[in-house]
């Protein structure tokens, strides 16, 4: 199995980037995570990458941050109460079966992102966790989650690496647009 993201094999999953939950996060780090998530979503659109959103108990934690769900984002939003998105049948039904790689980002790293990543691995998916687009309230919990996911077999990566792996070279039609997104 390659440790590179392949555009024809991947899908993007945005875990629980919700309004009320975001207010509990460290503000500066949350701003960075939102920015990187926006970059990933814009690039996913440019590249026609399948995308899913999850929302953990939206009645209590609010819905997905409105800046992430703009008029051009048509990705399904799956509500859940289980911490692992894989425990929600609607999530599994929407997850692309023909895509062997899943790119994960969102919050919180040590709960929903971690449990989803571990379940995806158990379901024979290759998991790429975008570290600069993942957050926890406590940085130590995020660090622990990243270590656990790496030890379990996830590839811990970053926004730029994922995007440039997807396009492969500067001759790709989306290269200039993606290069502009990451500046």
Foldseek 3Di string as FASTA:
>chain_A
DDLFDAQVQEAEEAEAQFDQQLVLADVVLSVQLVLLLQLVQVLCLVSVHQYEYEHAPCVPGNDHDVVNVDPPDPHYYHYDNALAPVVDPVSVVSPDPRHQEYEYAYDDLLTNVLNNLLVSVVVRHAYEYALSNHHYRDVVSNVVSVVVSVVSHHHYHHSVRRSCSHQVDCVRPCNVVSVVSVD
